[in-house]
Amino acid sequence: MNLTATLVIFRYEMKRFFRTILQSLVSPIISTSLYFVVFGAAIGARMEEIEGTSYGAFIVPGLIMLTVLTQSISNASFGIYFPKFIGTIYEILSAPVSSLEIVIGYVGAAAVKALMIGLIILATSFLFVPLSIAHPVWMLAFLVMTCICFAMFGFIIGILAKNFEQLQLVPLLVVTPLVFLGGSFYSISMLPPVWQTISLFNPVVYLVSGFRWSFFGVADVPIGLSLLAIAAFTALAFGTIWWIFKTGYRIRD
């Protein structure tokens, strides 16, 4: 494996992240802090505990997951789309770098960026609500796996996108609504039985549930299903990327 080439791509993407620090880091932190103020303080003060946890603390995993999913996708999609837009993608493809090394460079950088933002938001949440983490190792594992998985989905979106507007289409119109409807701000056990069943078809439910279990030891779905869901999403994304590079679809044409 050409580790030098992979590190070059990784470092370039990380430098771009720090060059736009206000947009990349400060903006999502401020947005999440506003969620804490509105939902945690204003609404949470008027709600009872959910599954033995205060509402302000209960929404922390969902808020982190919301930010991590959107940031993983947006960072990875823009990272690979921009070389396509300016034409430098052909220099990368003609260099002695394998497709796996290219994916590791771009996806790794996007995942690290999202992980940094997720951890900073987690640290910020301690300023707003009393919070304890029942399974810190599992919490970090879920966070890392989610960042990698959805950075791969973002990579796919960046390859398939034809313009900058399409880069925002999936995060805004698909991912964000799925997160809001996936139990980020409530437990699906609070829903009527029919809507609980419908919610189980939302893949984000399994991610949020597993991540929340690592905090409070309670989950809407079995932890095994959450792990299986992440593994299935990752396998699907990896298979799609493999097919794209094998056929050259939207890369060489």
C-alpha atoms as a PDB file:
ATOM      1  CA  MET A   1       0.000   0.000   0.000  1.00  0.00           C
ATOM      2  CA  ASN A   2       1.221   3.477  -0.926  1.00  0.00           C
ATOM      3  CA  LEU A   3       0.912   5.078   2.507  1.00  0.00           C
ATOM      4  CA  THR A   4       2.654   8.259   1.361  1.00  0.00           C
ATOM      5  CA  ALA A   5      -0.023   8.986  -1.236  1.00  0.00           C
ATOM      6  CA  THR A   6      -2.787   8.194   1.226  1.00  0.00           C
ATOM      7  CA  LEU A   7      -1.272  10.545   3.808  1.00  0.00           C
ATOM      8  CA  VAL A   8      -0.917  13.300   1.201  1.00  0.00           C
ATOM      9  CA  ILE A   9      -4.643  13.117   0.416  1.00  0.00           C
ATOM     10  CA  PHE A  10      -5.489  12.917   4.119  1.00  0.00           C
ATOM     11  CA  ARG A  11      -3.328  15.916   5.051  1.00  0.00           C
ATOM     12  CA  TYR A  12      -4.645  18.007   2.176  1.00  0.00           C
ATOM     13  CA  GLU A  13      -8.239  17.403   3.264  1.00  0.00           C
ATOM     14  CA  MET A  14      -7.427  18.174   6.887  1.00  0.00           C
ATOM     15  CA  LYS A  15      -5.701  21.440   5.898  1.00  0.00           C
ATOM     16  CA  ARG A  16      -8.784  22.445   3.942  1.00  0.00           C
ATOM     17  CA  PHE A  17     -10.843  21.738   7.054  1.00  0.00           C
ATOM     18  CA  PHE A  18      -8.726  24.034   9.229  1.00  0.00           C
ATOM     19  CA  ARG A  19      -8.651  26.763   6.573  1.00  0.00           C
ATOM     20  CA  THR A  20     -12.433  26.997   6.866  1.00  0.00           C
ATOM     21  CA  ILE A  21     -12.577  26.476  10.620  1.00  0.00           C
ATOM     22  CA  LEU A  22     -15.511  28.863  11.170  1.00  0.00           C
ATOM     23  CA  GLN A  23     -17.719  27.039   8.690  1.00  0.00           C
ATOM     24  CA  SER A  24     -16.421  23.544   9.412  1.00  0.00           C
ATOM     25  CA  LEU A  25     -16.211  23.539  13.193  1.00  0.00           C
ATOM     26  CA  VAL A  26     -17.681  26.611  14.870  1.00  0.00           C
ATOM     27  CA  SER A  27     -20.937  26.630  12.895  1.00  0.00           C
ATOM     28  CA  PRO A  28     -22.124  23.093  13.824  1.00  0.00           C
ATOM     29  CA  ILE A  29     -21.145  23.653  17.458  1.00  0.00           C
ATOM     30  CA  ILE A  30     -23.183  26.852  17.661  1.00  0.00           C
ATOM     31  CA  SER A  31     -26.142  25.178  15.956  1.00  0.00           C
ATOM     32  CA  THR A  32     -26.036  22.263  18.376  1.00  0.00           C
ATOM     33  CA  SER A  33     -25.773  24.623  21.349  1.00  0.00           C
ATOM     34  CA  LEU A  34     -28.974  26.296  20.175  1.00  0.00           C
ATOM     35  CA  TYR A  35     -30.665  22.884  20.146  1.00  0.00           C
ATOM     36  CA  PHE A  36     -29.610  22.434  23.764  1.00  0.00           C
ATOM     37  CA  VAL A  37     -31.054  25.829  24.681  1.00  0.00           C
ATOM     38  CA  VAL A  38     -34.357  25.334  22.860  1.00  0.00           C
ATOM     39  CA  PHE A  39     -35.008  21.619  23.439  1.00  0.00           C
ATOM     40  CA  GLY A  40     -32.998  20.934  26.559  1.00  0.00           C
ATOM     41  CA  ALA A  41     -33.790  24.042  28.598  1.00  0.00           C
ATOM     42  CA  ALA A  42     -37.058  25.428  27.231  1.00  0.00           C
ATOM     43  CA  ILE A  43     -38.889  22.208  26.379  1.00  0.00           C
ATOM     44  CA  GLY A  44     -37.000  19.877  28.717  1.00  0.00           C
ATOM     45  CA  ALA A  45     -38.003  21.911  31.749  1.00  0.00           C
ATOM     46  CA  ARG A  46     -41.639  21.117  30.965  1.00  0.00           C
ATOM     47  CA  MET A  47     -41.199  17.401  30.315  1.00  0.00           C
ATOM     48  CA  GLU A  48     -40.872  14.454  32.619  1.00  0.00           C
ATOM     49  CA  GLU A  49     -37.922  12.114  32.530  1.00  0.00           C
ATOM     50  CA  ILE A  50     -37.678   9.639  29.656  1.00  0.00           C
ATOM     51  CA  GLU A  51     -36.682   6.133  30.727  1.00  0.00           C
ATOM     52  CA  GLY A  52     -35.206   7.501  33.927  1.00  0.00           C
ATOM     53  CA  THR A  53     -33.119  10.171  32.188  1.00  0.00           C
ATOM     54  CA  SER A  54     -33.717  13.908  32.115  1.00  0.00           C
ATOM     55  CA  TYR A  55     -34.879  15.143  28.733  1.00  0.00           C
ATOM     56  CA  GLY A  56     -31.886  17.460  28.341  1.00  0.00           C
ATOM     57  CA  ALA A  57     -29.480  14.546  28.742  1.00  0.00           C
ATOM     58  CA  PHE A  58     -31.683  12.179  26.727  1.00  0.00           C
ATOM     59  CA  ILE A  59     -31.346  14.227  23.537  1.00  0.00           C
ATOM     60  CA  VAL A  60     -27.533  14.473  23.694  1.00  0.00           C
ATOM     61  CA  PRO A  61     -26.852  11.239  21.734  1.00  0.00           C
ATOM     62  CA  GLY A  62     -29.418  12.242  19.109  1.00  0.00           C
ATOM     63  CA  LEU A  63     -27.912  15.702  18.681  1.00  0.00           C
ATOM     64  CA  ILE A  64     -24.415  14.256  18.351  1.00  0.00           C
ATOM     65  CA  MET A  65     -25.647  11.681  15.839  1.00  0.00           C
ATOM     66  CA  LEU A  66     -27.459  14.373  13.826  1.00  0.00           C
ATOM     67  CA  THR A  67     -24.292  16.440  13.535  1.00  0.00           C
ATOM     68  CA  VAL A  68     -21.976  13.488  12.905  1.00  0.00           C
ATOM     69  CA  LEU A  69     -24.126  12.067  10.108  1.00  0.00           C
ATOM     70  CA  THR A  70     -24.491  15.349   8.260  1.00  0.00           C
ATOM     71  CA  GLN A  71     -20.848  16.357   8.734  1.00  0.00           C
ATOM     72  CA  SER A  72     -19.509  12.961   7.633  1.00  0.00           C
ATOM     73  CA  ILE A  73     -21.551  13.082   4.457  1.00  0.00           C
ATOM     74  CA  SER A  74     -20.903  16.740   3.597  1.00  0.00           C
ATOM     75  CA  ASN A  75     -17.149  16.600   4.237  1.00  0.00           C
ATOM     76  CA  ALA A  76     -16.621  13.428   2.212  1.00  0.00           C
ATOM     77  CA  SER A  77     -18.903  14.472  -0.646  1.00  0.00           C
ATOM     78  CA  PHE A  78     -17.287  17.880  -1.093  1.00  0.00           C
ATOM     79  CA  GLY A  79     -13.801  16.402  -0.659  1.00  0.00           C
ATOM     80  CA  ILE A  80     -14.117  14.121  -3.709  1.00  0.00           C
ATOM     81  CA  TYR A  81     -16.446  16.349  -5.751  1.00  0.00           C
ATOM     82  CA  PHE A  82     -14.121  19.361  -5.780  1.00  0.00           C
ATOM     83  CA  PRO A  83     -11.287  17.481  -7.591  1.00  0.00           C
ATOM     84  CA  LYS A  84     -13.889  16.360 -10.126  1.00  0.00           C
ATOM     85  CA  PHE A  85     -15.105  19.932 -10.535  1.00  0.00           C
ATOM     86  CA  ILE A  86     -11.663  21.430 -11.200  1.00  0.00           C
ATOM     87  CA  GLY A  87     -10.345  18.398 -13.101  1.00  0.00           C
ATOM     88  CA  THR A  88      -7.565  17.305 -10.746  1.00  0.00           C
ATOM     89  CA  ILE A  89      -9.294  13.960 -10.195  1.00  0.00           C
ATOM     90  CA  TYR A  90      -7.597  12.733 -13.400  1.00  0.00           C
ATOM     91  CA  GLU A  91      -4.177  13.441 -11.923  1.00  0.00           C
ATOM     92  CA  ILE A  92      -5.093  11.313  -8.910  1.00  0.00           C
ATOM     93  CA  LEU A  93      -6.437   8.504 -11.079  1.00  0.00           C
ATOM     94  CA  SER A  94      -3.335   8.497 -13.287  1.00  0.00           C
ATOM     95  CA  ALA A  95      -0.955   8.471 -10.319  1.00  0.00           C
ATOM     96  CA  PRO A  96       0.375   5.176  -8.888  1.00  0.00           C
ATOM     97  CA  VAL A  97      -2.351   5.167  -6.252  1.00  0.00           C
ATOM     98  CA  SER A  98      -4.926   2.409  -5.921  1.00  0.00           C
ATOM     99  CA  SER A  99      -8.634   3.058  -5.541  1.00  0.00           C
ATOM    100  CA  LEU A 100      -8.474   1.716  -1.980  1.00  0.00           C
ATOM    101  CA  GLU A 101      -5.770   4.251  -1.068  1.00  0.00           C
ATOM    102  CA  ILE A 102      -7.824   7.073  -2.565  1.00  0.00           C
ATOM    103  CA  VAL A 103     -10.878   6.020  -0.579  1.00  0.00           C
ATOM    104  CA  ILE A 104      -8.897   5.688   2.654  1.00  0.00           C
ATOM    105  CA  GLY A 105      -7.448   9.183   2.191  1.00  0.00           C
ATOM    106  CA  TYR A 106     -10.737  10.975   1.523  1.00  0.00           C
ATOM    107  CA  VAL A 107     -13.013   8.883   3.736  1.00  0.00           C
ATOM    108  CA  GLY A 108     -10.459   8.835   6.565  1.00  0.00           C
ATOM    109  CA  ALA A 109     -10.155  12.616   6.556  1.00  0.00           C
ATOM    110  CA  ALA A 110     -13.934  13.118   6.484  1.00  0.00           C
ATOM    111  CA  ALA A 111     -14.424  10.608   9.297  1.00  0.00           C
ATOM    112  CA  VAL A 112     -11.763  12.273  11.469  1.00  0.00           C
ATOM    113  CA  LYS A 113     -13.349  15.699  10.917  1.00  0.00           C
ATOM    114  CA  ALA A 114     -16.795  14.403  11.923  1.00  0.00           C
ATOM    115  CA  LEU A 115     -15.308  12.574  14.908  1.00  0.00           C
ATOM    116  CA  MET A 116     -13.610  15.767  16.113  1.00  0.00           C
ATOM    117  CA  ILE A 117     -16.860  17.710  15.842  1.00  0.00           C
ATOM    118  CA  GLY A 118     -18.801  14.946  17.602  1.00  0.00           C
ATOM    119  CA  LEU A 119     -16.358  14.828  20.520  1.00  0.00           C
ATOM    120  CA  ILE A 120     -16.339  18.621  20.863  1.00  0.00           C
ATOM    121  CA  ILE A 121     -20.145  18.666  20.922  1.00  0.00           C
ATOM    122  CA  LEU A 122     -20.069  15.918  23.548  1.00  0.00           C
ATOM    123  CA  ALA A 123     -17.718  18.032  25.662  1.00  0.00           C
ATOM    124  CA  THR A 124     -19.968  21.070  25.118  1.00  0.00           C
ATOM    125  CA  SER A 125     -23.025  19.134  26.296  1.00  0.00           C
ATOM    126  CA  PHE A 126     -21.521  18.824  29.782  1.00  0.00           C
ATOM    127  CA  LEU A 127     -21.901  22.604  30.055  1.00  0.00           C
ATOM    128  CA  PHE A 128     -25.662  22.350  29.568  1.00  0.00           C
ATOM    129  CA  VAL A 129     -26.803  19.126  31.241  1.00  0.00           C
ATOM    130  CA  PRO A 130     -25.505  16.647  33.853  1.00  0.00           C
ATOM    131  CA  LEU A 131     -24.362  13.697  31.807  1.00  0.00           C
ATOM    132  CA  SER A 132     -22.791  10.312  32.458  1.00  0.00           C
ATOM    133  CA  ILE A 133     -21.639   7.676  29.966  1.00  0.00           C
ATOM    134  CA  ALA A 134     -22.413   4.108  30.978  1.00  0.00           C
ATOM    135  CA  HIS A 135     -20.272   2.455  28.290  1.00  0.00           C
ATOM    136  CA  PRO A 136     -17.574   4.927  27.142  1.00  0.00           C
ATOM    137  CA  VAL A 137     -15.685   2.383  25.016  1.00  0.00           C
ATOM    138  CA  TRP A 138     -18.831   1.402  23.150  1.00  0.00           C
ATOM    139  CA  MET A 139     -19.784   5.055  22.820  1.00  0.00           C
ATOM    140  CA  LEU A 140     -16.489   5.821  21.087  1.00  0.00           C
ATOM    141  CA  ALA A 141     -16.772   2.679  18.964  1.00  0.00           C
ATOM    142  CA  PHE A 142     -20.280   3.603  17.779  1.00  0.00           C
ATOM    143  CA  LEU A 143     -19.111   7.122  17.014  1.00  0.00           C
ATOM    144  CA  VAL A 144     -16.104   5.969  14.992  1.00  0.00           C
ATOM    145  CA  MET A 145     -18.071   3.336  13.068  1.00  0.00           C
ATOM    146  CA  THR A 146     -20.814   5.844  12.243  1.00  0.00           C
ATOM    147  CA  CYS A 147     -18.293   8.440  11.043  1.00  0.00           C
ATOM    148  CA  ILE A 148     -16.572   5.934   8.754  1.00  0.00           C
ATOM    149  CA  CYS A 149     -19.805   4.456   7.433  1.00  0.00           C
ATOM    150  CA  PHE A 150     -21.452   7.746   6.493  1.00  0.00           C
ATOM    151  CA  ALA A 151     -18.219   9.264   5.213  1.00  0.00           C
ATOM    152  CA  MET A 152     -18.290   6.418   2.698  1.00  0.00           C
ATOM    153  CA  PHE A 153     -21.866   7.311   1.767  1.00  0.00           C
ATOM    154  CA  GLY A 154     -20.755  10.935   1.390  1.00  0.00           C
ATOM    155  CA  PHE A 155     -17.922   9.796  -0.877  1.00  0.00           C
ATOM    156  CA  ILE A 156     -20.494   8.066  -3.088  1.00  0.00           C
ATOM    157  CA  ILE A 157     -22.667  11.185  -3.192  1.00  0.00           C
ATOM    158  CA  GLY A 158     -19.668  13.318  -4.177  1.00  0.00           C
ATOM    159  CA  ILE A 159     -18.889  10.992  -7.075  1.00  0.00           C
ATOM    160  CA  LEU A 160     -22.479  10.811  -8.300  1.00  0.00           C
ATOM    161  CA  ALA A 161     -23.253  14.537  -7.909  1.00  0.00           C
ATOM    162  CA  LYS A 162     -23.327  16.645 -11.075  1.00  0.00           C
ATOM    163  CA  ASN A 163     -23.313  20.042  -9.345  1.00  0.00           C
ATOM    164  CA  PHE A 164     -22.927  21.668  -5.937  1.00  0.00           C
ATOM    165  CA  GLU A 165     -26.682  21.696  -5.350  1.00  0.00           C
ATOM    166  CA  GLN A 166     -26.845  17.919  -5.515  1.00  0.00           C
ATOM    167  CA  LEU A 167     -24.200  17.680  -2.782  1.00  0.00           C
ATOM    168  CA  GLN A 168     -26.694  19.220  -0.352  1.00  0.00           C
ATOM    169  CA  LEU A 169     -29.732  17.331  -1.610  1.00  0.00           C
ATOM    170  CA  VAL A 170     -29.262  14.070   0.294  1.00  0.00           C
ATOM    171  CA  PRO A 171     -28.116  15.580   3.648  1.00  0.00           C
ATOM    172  CA  LEU A 172     -30.934  18.138   3.680  1.00  0.00           C
ATOM    173  CA  LEU A 173     -33.825  16.178   2.212  1.00  0.00           C
ATOM    174  CA  VAL A 174     -32.997  12.618   3.285  1.00  0.00           C
ATOM    175  CA  VAL A 175     -30.530  12.328   6.177  1.00  0.00           C
ATOM    176  CA  THR A 176     -31.756  15.202   8.365  1.00  0.00           C
ATOM    177  CA  PRO A 177     -35.463  14.169   8.241  1.00  0.00           C
ATOM    178  CA  LEU A 178     -34.505  10.536   8.938  1.00  0.00           C
ATOM    179  CA  VAL A 179     -32.528  11.621  12.002  1.00  0.00           C
ATOM    180  CA  PHE A 180     -35.366  13.777  13.321  1.00  0.00           C
ATOM    181  CA  LEU A 181     -37.820  10.907  12.783  1.00  0.00           C
ATOM    182  CA  GLY A 182     -35.357   8.326  14.100  1.00  0.00           C
ATOM    183  CA  GLY A 183     -35.817   8.954  17.808  1.00  0.00           C
ATOM    184  CA  SER A 184     -33.230  11.701  18.216  1.00  0.00           C
ATOM    185  CA  PHE A 185     -35.509  13.798  20.430  1.00  0.00           C
ATOM    186  CA  TYR A 186     -37.802  11.083  21.753  1.00  0.00           C
ATOM    187  CA  SER A 187     -38.040   7.362  22.365  1.00  0.00           C
ATOM    188  CA  ILE A 188     -39.996   5.465  19.743  1.00  0.00           C
ATOM    189  CA  SER A 189     -41.645   3.591  22.635  1.00  0.00           C
ATOM    190  CA  MET A 190     -43.608   6.812  23.198  1.00  0.00           C
ATOM    191  CA  LEU A 191     -45.292   6.410  19.795  1.00  0.00           C
ATOM    192  CA  PRO A 192     -48.486   4.467  19.064  1.00  0.00           C
ATOM    193  CA  PRO A 193     -47.813   0.800  18.157  1.00  0.00           C
ATOM    194  CA  VAL A 194     -48.367   1.330  14.431  1.00  0.00           C
ATOM    195  CA  TRP A 195     -45.852   4.188  14.301  1.00  0.00           C
ATOM    196  CA  GLN A 196     -43.358   2.178  16.325  1.00  0.00           C
ATOM    197  CA  THR A 197     -43.500  -0.475  13.621  1.00  0.00           C
ATOM    198  CA  ILE A 198     -43.102   2.113  10.866  1.00  0.00           C
ATOM    199  CA  SER A 199     -40.151   3.680  12.687  1.00  0.00           C
ATOM    200  CA  LEU A 200     -38.302   0.362  12.585  1.00  0.00           C
ATOM    201  CA  PHE A 201     -37.963   0.815   8.813  1.00  0.00           C
ATOM    202  CA  ASN A 202     -35.948   3.976   9.448  1.00  0.00           C
ATOM    203  CA  PRO A 203     -32.263   2.903   9.458  1.00  0.00           C
ATOM    204  CA  VAL A 204     -31.247   5.850  11.632  1.00  0.00           C
ATOM    205  CA  VAL A 205     -33.330   4.439  14.508  1.00  0.00           C
ATOM    206  CA  TYR A 206     -30.784   1.654  14.946  1.00  0.00           C
ATOM    207  CA  LEU A 207     -27.850   4.083  14.968  1.00  0.00           C
ATOM    208  CA  VAL A 208     -29.410   6.491  17.458  1.00  0.00           C
ATOM    209  CA  SER A 209     -30.666   3.644  19.652  1.00  0.00           C
ATOM    210  CA  GLY A 210     -27.280   1.942  19.844  1.00  0.00           C
ATOM    211  CA  PHE A 211     -25.497   5.212  20.512  1.00  0.00           C
ATOM    212  CA  ARG A 212     -27.985   6.147  23.239  1.00  0.00           C
ATOM    213  CA  TRP A 213     -27.526   2.721  24.830  1.00  0.00           C
ATOM    214  CA  SER A 214     -23.813   3.467  25.238  1.00  0.00           C
ATOM    215  CA  PHE A 215     -24.785   6.527  27.309  1.00  0.00           C
ATOM    216  CA  PHE A 216     -27.689   5.336  29.433  1.00  0.00           C
ATOM    217  CA  GLY A 217     -27.847   1.568  29.045  1.00  0.00           C
ATOM    218  CA  VAL A 218     -31.336   1.713  27.474  1.00  0.00           C
ATOM    219  CA  ALA A 219     -32.259   1.290  23.825  1.00  0.00           C
ATOM    220  CA  ASP A 220     -35.308   1.190  21.574  1.00  0.00           C
ATOM    221  CA  VAL A 221     -33.952  -1.828  19.683  1.00  0.00           C
ATOM    222  CA  PRO A 222     -31.552  -4.602  20.759  1.00  0.00           C
ATOM    223  CA  ILE A 223     -27.906  -3.544  20.687  1.00  0.00           C
ATOM    224  CA  GLY A 224     -27.104  -6.483  18.417  1.00  0.00           C
ATOM    225  CA  LEU A 225     -29.433  -5.089  15.741  1.00  0.00           C
ATOM    226  CA  SER A 226     -27.721  -1.707  15.977  1.00  0.00           C
ATOM    227  CA  LEU A 227     -24.317  -3.286  15.376  1.00  0.00           C
ATOM    228  CA  LEU A 228     -25.726  -5.375  12.536  1.00  0.00           C
ATOM    229  CA  ALA A 229     -27.233  -2.268  10.943  1.00  0.00           C
ATOM    230  CA  ILE A 230     -23.921  -0.381  11.018  1.00  0.00           C
ATOM    231  CA  ALA A 231     -22.148  -3.413   9.531  1.00  0.00           C
ATOM    232  CA  ALA A 232     -24.772  -3.683   6.775  1.00  0.00           C
ATOM    233  CA  PHE A 233     -24.567   0.043   5.926  1.00  0.00           C
ATOM    234  CA  THR A 234     -20.775  -0.136   5.784  1.00  0.00           C
ATOM    235  CA  ALA A 235     -20.815  -3.224   3.562  1.00  0.00           C
ATOM    236  CA  LEU A 236     -23.352  -1.580   1.230  1.00  0.00           C
ATOM    237  CA  ALA A 237     -21.291   1.604   0.958  1.00  0.00           C
ATOM    238  CA  PHE A 238     -18.033  -0.297   0.416  1.00  0.00           C
ATOM    239  CA  GLY A 239     -19.619  -2.476  -2.265  1.00  0.00           C
ATOM    240  CA  THR A 240     -20.982   0.565  -4.081  1.00  0.00           C
ATOM    241  CA  ILE A 241     -17.592   2.312  -4.023  1.00  0.00           C
ATOM    242  CA  TRP A 242     -15.906  -0.849  -5.312  1.00  0.00           C
ATOM    243  CA  TRP A 243     -18.377  -1.009  -8.207  1.00  0.00           C
ATOM    244  CA  ILE A 244     -17.889   2.681  -9.043  1.00  0.00           C
ATOM    245  CA  PHE A 245     -14.119   2.352  -9.297  1.00  0.00           C
ATOM    246  CA  LYS A 246     -14.375  -0.918 -11.197  1.00  0.00           C
ATOM    247  CA  THR A 247     -16.695   0.549 -13.838  1.00  0.00           C
ATOM    248  CA  GLY A 248     -15.387   4.140 -13.728  1.00  0.00           C
ATOM    249  CA  TYR A 249     -18.964   5.408 -13.442  1.00  0.00           C
ATOM    250  CA  ARG A 250     -19.024   9.214 -13.003  1.00  0.00           C
ATOM    251  CA  ILE A 251     -15.249   9.237 -12.501  1.00  0.00           C
ATOM    252  CA  ARG A 252     -13.707   8.679 -15.907  1.00  0.00           C
ATOM    253  CA  ASP A 253     -16.648   9.762 -18.052  1.00  0.00           C
END
